[in-house]
Each structure stands twice: as C-alpha cells, then as structure tokens.
C-alpha cells in the first residue's frame, strides 16, 4: 500500500497521509486539502486534449523507452549515472555514494502546491519524492530524505501506479524530485504508465549536477526541466556538497542540454500552466552574493534573455549548516535585493521571485 501525502512544504508528508492501493483511493485519514484536490479532479479534471501530446508516448509505443532503460540498467553494476562515478555495484545491493541501491525508494507522492505557480495550477503538481541524493548538501532542508534515505522501497509496478494515480487526481504534471540516481527506474516505469494512459507532462526536478550523457537519454522524455543552478564557484560545491567542485562546469553543460531539448519555458496563455521548457531555480545563500552574481551572469550570457529564472530567498540553515559560519544564518533582504538588481541589469526578462 502507498503512503500518499499532501504537503504545504516538503516535510509535512510525515504527518499527513491517506492510503492508496493500485491507484484507487481507500479508507484512511483524509486531509481536507486532499479532499479538495479530489473534488477538483472530479469536477474539472485535467483537460489534456487541449495540450500537445507528450513525446514520451511515442517513445513508449515504438520501443525506444524500453531500449533506453535496458541500456542504463546494467550500468548500476558499476554505477556511473551521476558525476560521482562511484562505481558501486548497486545491482548486488551495495549502496552508491548517493545512498541508493538497485531498488527505487520513494518518500511520498501527492498533489504538491508548493512548486512554481505555472506547475501547480488549481490541482497541484503530481510530485513523487525520490529518496537519497548524490549532492549531499550540508544545508539540505530535506536531509531526512536526501541523506537519511527516508522512504520505502517500491516495485516498478508500484512506481508506475503512482504516476497514474497523480494523473487520476487531476494533477497538471508528473514531477520527479531528485531523480538522477533512479533514471533507469523512471524510464522503465514510465514505459508501463504511458502504455496504460499516462499523458501529462513530465517534470525533471533536479539539483542540476547532471551528466550530459544521461540527459541525452531523456531527450523526448522530459517536457519540463526544473534544475537548480546552485554554484558558479567550484569551492562552494567542494565545501558545501561533499567535494562536488565540478558542479559549475557540469551544471552549465547540463543547462545548455536541457535548453536544447525543451527551449524557453512559456506558460499556456489561457491556463497559465507550463507545458514545456527550462525553468531554472537559484537559491541565494548568505555571504555568497558574488556566487549568485556569477550564476546570473552566466545565464544572461549563455541562454536567451527570456529564460525562466526563479530567484529564491528562502534559504534556511538546516541540517549541518550551523557548522559552517558563512551559511549559518538566513539571507538578508539587502542580499536578496542585490541579486534581483543584478538579474535586471543583466537583461533577464523572465525573473520569478520566490521567498
């Protein structure tokens, strides 16, 4: 049986849940927000007929999804799915640096109302929170999931059922959070779900530290890329993300590939919903405004000026951040405003402010 939770934040799933079996609702503790979402899906539903058909449907039908997951699955025997290249044999139950073995481990799935408004709409983003993470950030607000591996191992069949369940609830998209370590599992389950009626856009919600080679396996699969662009300074990746000094170089190449695949993110003029494109997030961190300026400058110089950029101010010194004096406090309004001014001066025209 599945744990299905509505969350105002990414942490409330531990306290609010109902039970779903095989995509159908069963008796459980009903959160009023869940009931509202269910009512919305029944009354209005998700009118998928007005939007372009996701290209992953064609890839499922012509066997391309199967070809791709079968090519990726054996690579977990000496895992190189992420830039860590830890070479651990996940197929034999050995956990990689990310904390994952060969099982797909899932913390929760639900209609999420805390994402960007273009993803949330009226019925929420159909979010599946995947456990574990390769970034190992010392300030992670979801450290119980990303570092601690909170969640439950699921079968591929259950994973596919979750995808179909969020569509049934009327969610506007299918949102995979921290997906990198489970790329083979995603493609395998998506093939099943697509053949059984899934047709909402796929959102790839990532830390941004993605190999171009792996992103190429997602060409035609992902409709909306939602990456972080955390660091433009290698030292920050090294100090705050367990030696990820290659983050800037790899993330920049990843962003270019994501843009090549999906283009500029422009919402539907009638519904305001996003159907395709690159949506970049940047979390401004205290005492590191120069890093943010470099992030903004690179985007302005290398991507279209109307690239969607969400400049986020809600940094909280979570997890082990107190051990690092530079990031042991919250952001000031002055620091945030400085980054906003930088973005406007750089000519970016599609800035979102989220605090």
Protein backbone atom coordinates (compact mmCIF):
# COMPACT_ATOMS: atom_id res chain seq x y z
CA UNK A 1 0.00 0.00 0.00
CA UNK A 2 1.18 3.52 -0.76
CA UNK A 3 1.67 6.50 1.52
CA UNK A 4 0.09 9.46 -0.27
CA UNK A 5 0.56 12.88 1.33
CA UNK A 6 -0.45 16.46 0.54
CA UNK A 7 2.25 18.88 1.63
CA UNK A 8 2.36 22.62 2.11
CA UNK A 9 6.09 22.04 2.49
CA UNK A 10 8.28 19.11 1.57
CA UNK A 11 8.43 17.93 5.16
CA UNK A 12 4.76 17.64 6.13
CA UNK A 13 4.29 14.32 4.37
CA UNK A 14 5.44 12.60 7.56
CA UNK A 15 2.38 13.87 9.41
CA UNK A 16 -0.36 13.92 6.75
CA UNK A 17 -1.25 10.87 4.71
CA UNK A 18 -4.03 8.79 3.20
CA UNK A 19 -3.82 5.33 1.71
CA UNK A 20 -3.98 4.42 -1.97
CA UNK A 21 -3.95 0.95 -3.49
CA UNK A 22 -3.21 0.41 -7.18
CA UNK A 23 -4.13 3.99 -7.95
CA UNK A 24 -7.56 3.85 -6.25
CA UNK A 25 -8.45 5.59 -3.01
CA UNK A 26 -9.05 3.51 0.09
CA UNK A 27 -10.23 4.42 3.57
CA UNK A 28 -7.74 6.46 5.53
CA UNK A 29 -7.12 9.71 7.38
CA UNK A 30 -8.42 12.27 4.94
CA UNK A 31 -6.69 15.61 4.89
CA UNK A 32 -9.15 18.35 3.82
CA UNK A 33 -6.71 19.57 1.17
CA UNK A 34 -6.67 16.07 -0.34
CA UNK A 35 -10.46 16.04 -0.43
CA UNK A 36 -10.46 19.40 -2.17
CA UNK A 37 -7.96 18.14 -4.73
CA UNK A 38 -10.05 15.05 -5.35
CA UNK A 39 -13.16 17.20 -5.79
CA UNK A 40 -11.34 19.43 -8.26
CA UNK A 41 -10.22 16.44 -10.30
CA UNK A 42 -13.78 15.11 -10.47
CA UNK A 43 -15.37 18.48 -11.27
CA UNK A 44 -12.82 19.87 -13.68
CA UNK A 45 -10.41 17.06 -14.31
CA UNK A 46 -7.26 17.57 -16.33
CA UNK A 47 -8.19 18.59 -19.86
CA UNK A 48 -5.24 17.01 -21.63
CA UNK A 49 -6.90 17.28 -25.04
CA UNK A 50 -6.01 20.95 -25.42
CA UNK A 51 -2.28 20.39 -24.96
CA UNK A 52 0.29 18.76 -27.26
CA UNK A 53 0.73 15.04 -26.75
CA UNK A 54 3.86 14.32 -24.68
CA UNK A 55 6.56 12.82 -26.86
CA UNK A 56 7.26 10.04 -24.34
CA UNK A 57 4.06 8.37 -25.59
CA UNK A 58 5.63 7.85 -28.99
CA UNK A 59 8.85 6.59 -27.40
CA UNK A 60 6.88 4.08 -25.35
CA UNK A 61 4.97 2.88 -28.38
CA UNK A 62 7.96 2.45 -30.68
CA UNK A 63 10.09 0.66 -28.08
CA UNK A 64 12.58 3.48 -27.50
CA UNK A 65 11.86 3.79 -23.77
CA UNK A 66 12.49 0.09 -23.33
CA UNK A 67 15.71 0.37 -25.29
CA UNK A 68 16.93 3.21 -23.10
CA UNK A 69 16.16 1.71 -19.70
CA UNK A 70 17.69 -1.59 -20.77
CA UNK A 71 20.86 0.27 -21.74
CA UNK A 72 21.02 2.09 -18.39
CA UNK A 73 20.03 -0.68 -16.00
CA UNK A 74 23.33 -2.68 -16.25
CA UNK A 75 25.33 0.47 -15.55
CA UNK A 76 24.23 0.24 -11.92
CA UNK A 77 26.63 -2.73 -11.66
CA UNK A 78 29.44 -0.15 -11.67
CA UNK A 79 27.36 2.92 -11.19
CA UNK A 80 28.18 5.99 -13.26
CA UNK A 81 24.73 7.55 -13.52
CA UNK A 82 25.81 10.76 -11.77
CA UNK A 83 29.05 12.78 -11.71
CA UNK A 84 30.21 10.97 -8.56
CA UNK A 85 31.08 7.92 -10.71
CA UNK A 86 31.26 5.89 -7.51
CA UNK A 87 31.38 2.54 -9.41
CA UNK A 88 29.46 0.77 -6.64
CA UNK A 89 27.61 -2.40 -7.65
CA UNK A 90 24.09 -1.31 -6.86
CA UNK A 91 22.69 -4.39 -8.60
CA UNK A 92 24.21 -6.50 -5.83
CA UNK A 93 22.69 -4.36 -3.10
CA UNK A 94 25.68 -2.11 -2.47
CA UNK A 95 24.65 1.48 -1.93
CA UNK A 96 26.21 4.16 -4.06
CA UNK A 97 27.55 7.44 -2.73
CA UNK A 98 24.02 8.77 -3.21
CA UNK A 99 22.70 6.16 -0.76
CA UNK A 100 20.67 4.18 -3.30
CA UNK A 101 20.94 0.54 -4.24
CA UNK A 102 19.07 -1.11 -7.14
CA UNK A 103 15.64 -0.55 -5.54
CA UNK A 104 13.63 2.55 -6.29
CA UNK A 105 12.98 4.14 -2.90
CA UNK A 106 10.16 6.68 -2.59
CA UNK A 107 9.42 9.02 0.30
CA UNK A 108 5.99 10.22 -0.81
CA UNK A 109 3.78 11.13 -3.76
CA UNK A 110 0.98 13.68 -3.82
CA UNK A 111 -0.52 16.77 -5.44
CA UNK A 112 2.03 19.39 -4.39
CA UNK A 113 1.04 23.05 -4.07
CA UNK A 114 4.41 24.48 -3.08
CA UNK A 115 6.05 24.49 -6.52
CA UNK A 116 6.05 27.33 -9.06
CA UNK A 117 2.54 28.56 -9.87
CA UNK A 118 2.94 27.53 -13.52
CA UNK A 119 3.30 23.93 -12.34
CA UNK A 120 0.75 24.00 -9.51
CA UNK A 121 -2.29 25.46 -11.28
CA UNK A 122 -5.53 24.57 -9.49
CA UNK A 123 -4.98 20.85 -8.91
CA UNK A 124 -1.31 20.74 -7.96
CA UNK A 125 1.87 19.26 -9.38
CA UNK A 126 1.88 15.44 -9.25
CA UNK A 127 5.06 15.13 -7.24
CA UNK A 128 6.97 11.93 -6.48
CA UNK A 129 9.70 12.49 -3.90
CA UNK A 130 12.52 10.03 -4.52
CA UNK A 131 14.78 9.13 -1.61
CA UNK A 132 18.56 9.69 -1.47
CA UNK A 133 20.66 12.20 -3.38
CA UNK A 134 24.13 12.48 -4.88
CA UNK A 135 24.69 16.14 -3.96
CA UNK A 136 24.99 15.61 -0.17
CA UNK A 137 24.46 19.32 0.56
CA UNK A 138 25.20 20.26 4.17
CA UNK A 139 22.25 22.69 4.26
CA UNK A 140 19.59 20.39 2.78
CA UNK A 141 16.15 21.09 4.23
CA UNK A 142 15.03 17.57 3.29
CA UNK A 143 18.06 15.82 4.78
CA UNK A 144 15.98 13.02 6.26
CA UNK A 145 15.08 12.02 2.70
CA UNK A 146 18.23 13.03 0.79
CA UNK A 147 20.85 11.95 3.36
CA UNK A 148 18.87 9.61 5.58
CA UNK A 149 17.06 7.75 2.83
CA UNK A 150 13.65 8.07 4.49
CA UNK A 151 11.08 6.24 2.38
CA UNK A 152 10.04 2.80 1.23
CA UNK A 153 11.40 0.52 -1.48
CA UNK A 154 8.84 0.10 -4.26
CA UNK A 155 8.45 -2.17 -7.25
CA UNK A 156 8.47 -0.78 -10.76
CA UNK A 157 4.77 -1.67 -10.97
CA UNK A 158 4.03 0.40 -7.86
CA UNK A 159 6.11 3.27 -9.23
CA UNK A 160 4.07 3.26 -12.45
CA UNK A 161 0.84 3.14 -10.43
CA UNK A 162 1.90 6.27 -8.56
CA UNK A 163 2.34 8.08 -11.88
CA UNK A 164 -1.15 7.08 -12.97
CA UNK A 165 -2.58 7.96 -9.54
CA UNK A 166 -1.49 11.61 -9.60
CA UNK A 167 -2.95 11.98 -13.10
CA UNK A 168 -6.22 10.48 -11.86
CA UNK A 169 -6.31 13.13 -9.12
CA UNK A 170 -6.17 15.83 -11.80
CA UNK A 171 -2.54 16.92 -11.30
CA UNK A 172 -1.24 19.04 -14.16
CA UNK A 173 2.11 17.27 -14.50
CA UNK A 174 4.24 14.40 -13.21
CA UNK A 175 7.07 15.81 -11.12
CA UNK A 176 10.10 13.63 -10.25
CA UNK A 177 12.08 15.19 -7.39
CA UNK A 178 15.77 14.24 -7.05
CA UNK A 179 15.57 11.71 -9.91
CA UNK A 180 19.18 11.27 -11.01
CA UNK A 181 20.02 8.03 -9.20
CA UNK A 182 16.81 6.40 -10.43
CA UNK A 183 16.96 7.24 -14.12
CA UNK A 184 16.67 3.58 -15.26
CA UNK A 185 13.72 3.02 -12.93
CA UNK A 186 11.96 6.16 -14.15
CA UNK A 187 12.21 5.15 -17.80
CA UNK A 188 11.10 1.60 -17.03
CA UNK A 189 8.04 2.66 -15.00
CA UNK A 190 7.20 5.46 -17.41
CA UNK A 191 7.01 2.95 -20.25
CA UNK A 192 4.38 0.98 -18.31
CA UNK A 193 2.40 4.06 -17.28
CA UNK A 194 2.45 5.55 -20.78
CA UNK A 195 1.01 2.36 -22.26
CA UNK A 196 -1.74 2.47 -19.62
CA UNK A 197 -2.92 6.01 -20.25
CA UNK A 198 -0.43 8.47 -18.75
CA UNK A 199 -0.32 11.64 -20.81
CA UNK A 200 0.54 14.59 -18.55
CA UNK A 201 3.87 16.45 -18.96
CA UNK A 202 6.95 15.08 -17.20
CA UNK A 203 8.91 17.43 -14.92
CA UNK A 204 12.54 16.55 -14.12
CA UNK A 205 13.16 18.33 -10.79
CA UNK A 206 16.90 18.14 -10.19
CA UNK A 207 19.86 19.63 -8.32
CA UNK A 208 21.40 20.40 -11.71
CA UNK A 209 24.53 18.26 -11.34
CA UNK A 210 23.66 16.04 -14.29
CA UNK A 211 25.85 14.32 -16.86
CA UNK A 212 25.10 15.41 -20.41
CA UNK A 213 25.24 11.78 -21.49
CA UNK A 214 22.41 10.90 -19.10
CA UNK A 215 20.36 13.92 -20.09
CA UNK A 216 20.58 12.78 -23.70
CA UNK A 217 18.78 9.61 -22.61
CA UNK A 218 15.93 11.89 -21.53
CA UNK A 219 15.61 13.65 -24.87
CA UNK A 220 11.97 13.33 -25.88
CA UNK A 221 11.04 12.03 -22.42
CA UNK A 222 11.14 15.18 -20.29
CA UNK A 223 8.80 18.03 -21.13
CA UNK A 224 9.85 20.45 -18.38
CA UNK A 225 13.29 20.66 -16.83
CA UNK A 226 13.33 22.20 -13.34
CA UNK A 227 17.02 22.32 -12.31
CA UNK A 228 18.80 24.18 -9.57
CA UNK A 229 21.81 26.21 -10.56
CA UNK A 230 23.45 26.27 -7.14
CA UNK A 231 27.05 27.26 -7.63
CA UNK A 232 29.16 29.12 -10.13
CA UNK A 233 32.17 28.82 -7.82
CA UNK A 234 33.84 25.37 -7.58
CA UNK A 235 34.89 25.95 -3.97
CA UNK A 236 31.28 26.17 -2.86
CA UNK A 237 30.48 22.80 -4.41
CA UNK A 238 33.55 21.33 -2.76
CA UNK A 239 32.79 22.70 0.71
CA UNK A 240 29.01 22.51 0.89
CA UNK A 241 28.27 19.49 -1.33
CA UNK A 242 30.81 16.83 -0.35
CA UNK A 243 33.57 17.62 -2.78
CA UNK A 244 31.40 18.49 -5.81
CA UNK A 245 33.90 21.00 -7.16
CA UNK A 246 32.90 20.04 -10.70
CA UNK A 247 29.38 21.34 -10.10
CA UNK A 248 29.70 24.64 -12.06
CA UNK A 249 31.19 23.09 -15.19
CA UNK A 250 28.81 20.12 -15.25
CA UNK A 251 25.71 22.17 -14.38
CA UNK A 252 26.41 24.67 -17.14
CA UNK A 253 26.67 21.93 -19.75
CA UNK A 254 23.51 20.37 -18.32
CA UNK A 255 21.57 23.61 -18.62
CA UNK A 256 22.62 24.02 -22.24
CA UNK A 257 21.47 20.47 -23.00
CA UNK A 258 18.16 20.98 -21.19
CA UNK A 259 17.55 24.15 -23.17
CA UNK A 260 18.44 22.38 -26.41
CA UNK A 261 15.84 19.72 -25.71
CA UNK A 262 12.95 21.82 -24.45
CA UNK A 263 13.60 25.50 -25.20
CA UNK A 264 12.35 28.53 -23.30
CA UNK A 265 9.57 27.86 -20.79
CA UNK A 266 6.48 29.85 -21.75
CA UNK A 267 3.17 29.07 -20.00
CA UNK A 268 -0.04 28.43 -21.88
CA UNK A 269 -1.68 31.87 -22.37
CA UNK A 270 -5.14 30.61 -21.41
CA UNK A 271 -4.40 28.38 -18.40
CA UNK A 272 -1.08 29.79 -17.20
CA UNK A 273 0.24 26.23 -16.99
CA UNK A 274 3.69 25.26 -18.17
CA UNK A 275 3.78 22.51 -20.77
CA UNK A 276 7.38 22.59 -21.94
CA UNK A 277 10.69 24.33 -21.36
CA UNK A 278 13.56 25.04 -18.99
CA UNK A 279 12.75 26.55 -15.58
CA UNK A 280 15.90 27.40 -13.60
CA UNK A 281 15.97 27.81 -9.83
CA UNK A 282 18.71 29.64 -7.97
CA UNK A 283 18.78 29.74 -4.17
CA UNK A 284 20.60 32.83 -2.93
CA UNK A 285 22.85 31.96 0.02
CA UNK A 286 24.08 34.31 2.76
CA UNK A 287 27.56 35.75 2.37
CA UNK A 288 27.77 34.41 -1.20
CA UNK A 289 26.26 37.16 -3.29
CA UNK A 290 29.24 37.07 -5.66
CA UNK A 291 28.35 33.46 -6.45
CA UNK A 292 24.78 34.49 -7.27
CA UNK A 293 26.03 37.31 -9.49
CA UNK A 294 28.15 34.81 -11.44
CA UNK A 295 25.19 32.43 -11.78
CA UNK A 296 23.00 35.24 -13.13
CA UNK A 297 25.76 36.49 -15.41
CA UNK A 298 26.30 33.07 -16.95
CA UNK A 299 22.60 32.59 -17.63
CA UNK A 300 22.35 36.03 -19.25
CA UNK A 301 25.41 35.40 -21.43
CA UNK A 302 24.64 31.83 -22.50
CA UNK A 303 20.87 31.41 -22.62
CA UNK A 304 18.05 33.56 -24.04
CA UNK A 305 17.25 36.65 -22.03
CA UNK A 306 13.70 35.38 -21.50
CA UNK A 307 14.88 32.18 -19.84
CA UNK A 308 12.69 31.40 -16.83
CA UNK A 309 14.72 32.05 -13.67
CA UNK A 310 13.27 31.68 -10.18
CA UNK A 311 15.49 33.58 -7.74
CA UNK A 312 14.76 32.07 -4.34
CA UNK A 313 15.22 33.79 -0.98
CA UNK A 314 14.08 31.09 1.45
CA UNK A 315 17.49 29.75 2.43
CA UNK A 316 17.37 28.23 5.93
CA UNK A 317 20.48 26.99 7.78
CA UNK A 318 19.24 23.42 8.05
CA UNK A 319 20.93 20.10 8.77
CA UNK A 320 24.68 20.72 9.30
CA UNK A 321 24.79 24.34 8.11
CA UNK A 322 25.49 25.61 11.62
CA UNK A 323 28.97 24.06 11.33
CA UNK A 324 29.79 26.49 8.51
CA UNK A 325 29.86 30.10 9.74
CA UNK A 326 29.33 31.63 6.28
CA UNK A 327 25.97 29.92 5.81
CA UNK A 328 24.81 29.60 9.42
CA UNK A 329 22.23 32.37 9.16
CA UNK A 330 19.29 33.32 6.97
CA UNK A 331 19.56 35.63 3.99
CA UNK A 332 19.08 39.36 4.47
CA UNK A 333 16.69 41.42 2.39
CA UNK A 334 19.61 43.55 1.20
CA UNK A 335 21.49 40.50 -0.09
CA UNK A 336 18.43 39.26 -1.97
CA UNK A 337 17.66 42.66 -3.48
CA UNK A 338 21.23 42.92 -4.72
CA UNK A 339 20.83 39.70 -6.70
CA UNK A 340 17.49 40.82 -8.11
CA UNK A 341 19.06 44.08 -9.25
CA UNK A 342 21.89 42.13 -10.86
CA UNK A 343 19.41 39.98 -12.80
CA UNK A 344 17.53 43.01 -14.07
CA UNK A 345 20.74 44.79 -15.04
CA UNK A 346 21.85 41.68 -16.92
CA UNK A 347 18.76 41.98 -19.10
CA UNK A 348 16.88 38.89 -17.87
CA UNK A 349 13.20 39.42 -18.59
CA UNK A 350 11.55 36.33 -17.11
CA UNK A 351 12.51 36.56 -13.43
CA UNK A 352 10.37 34.97 -10.74
CA UNK A 353 10.71 35.93 -7.10
CA UNK A 354 10.03 33.24 -4.52
CA UNK A 355 10.58 33.72 -0.87
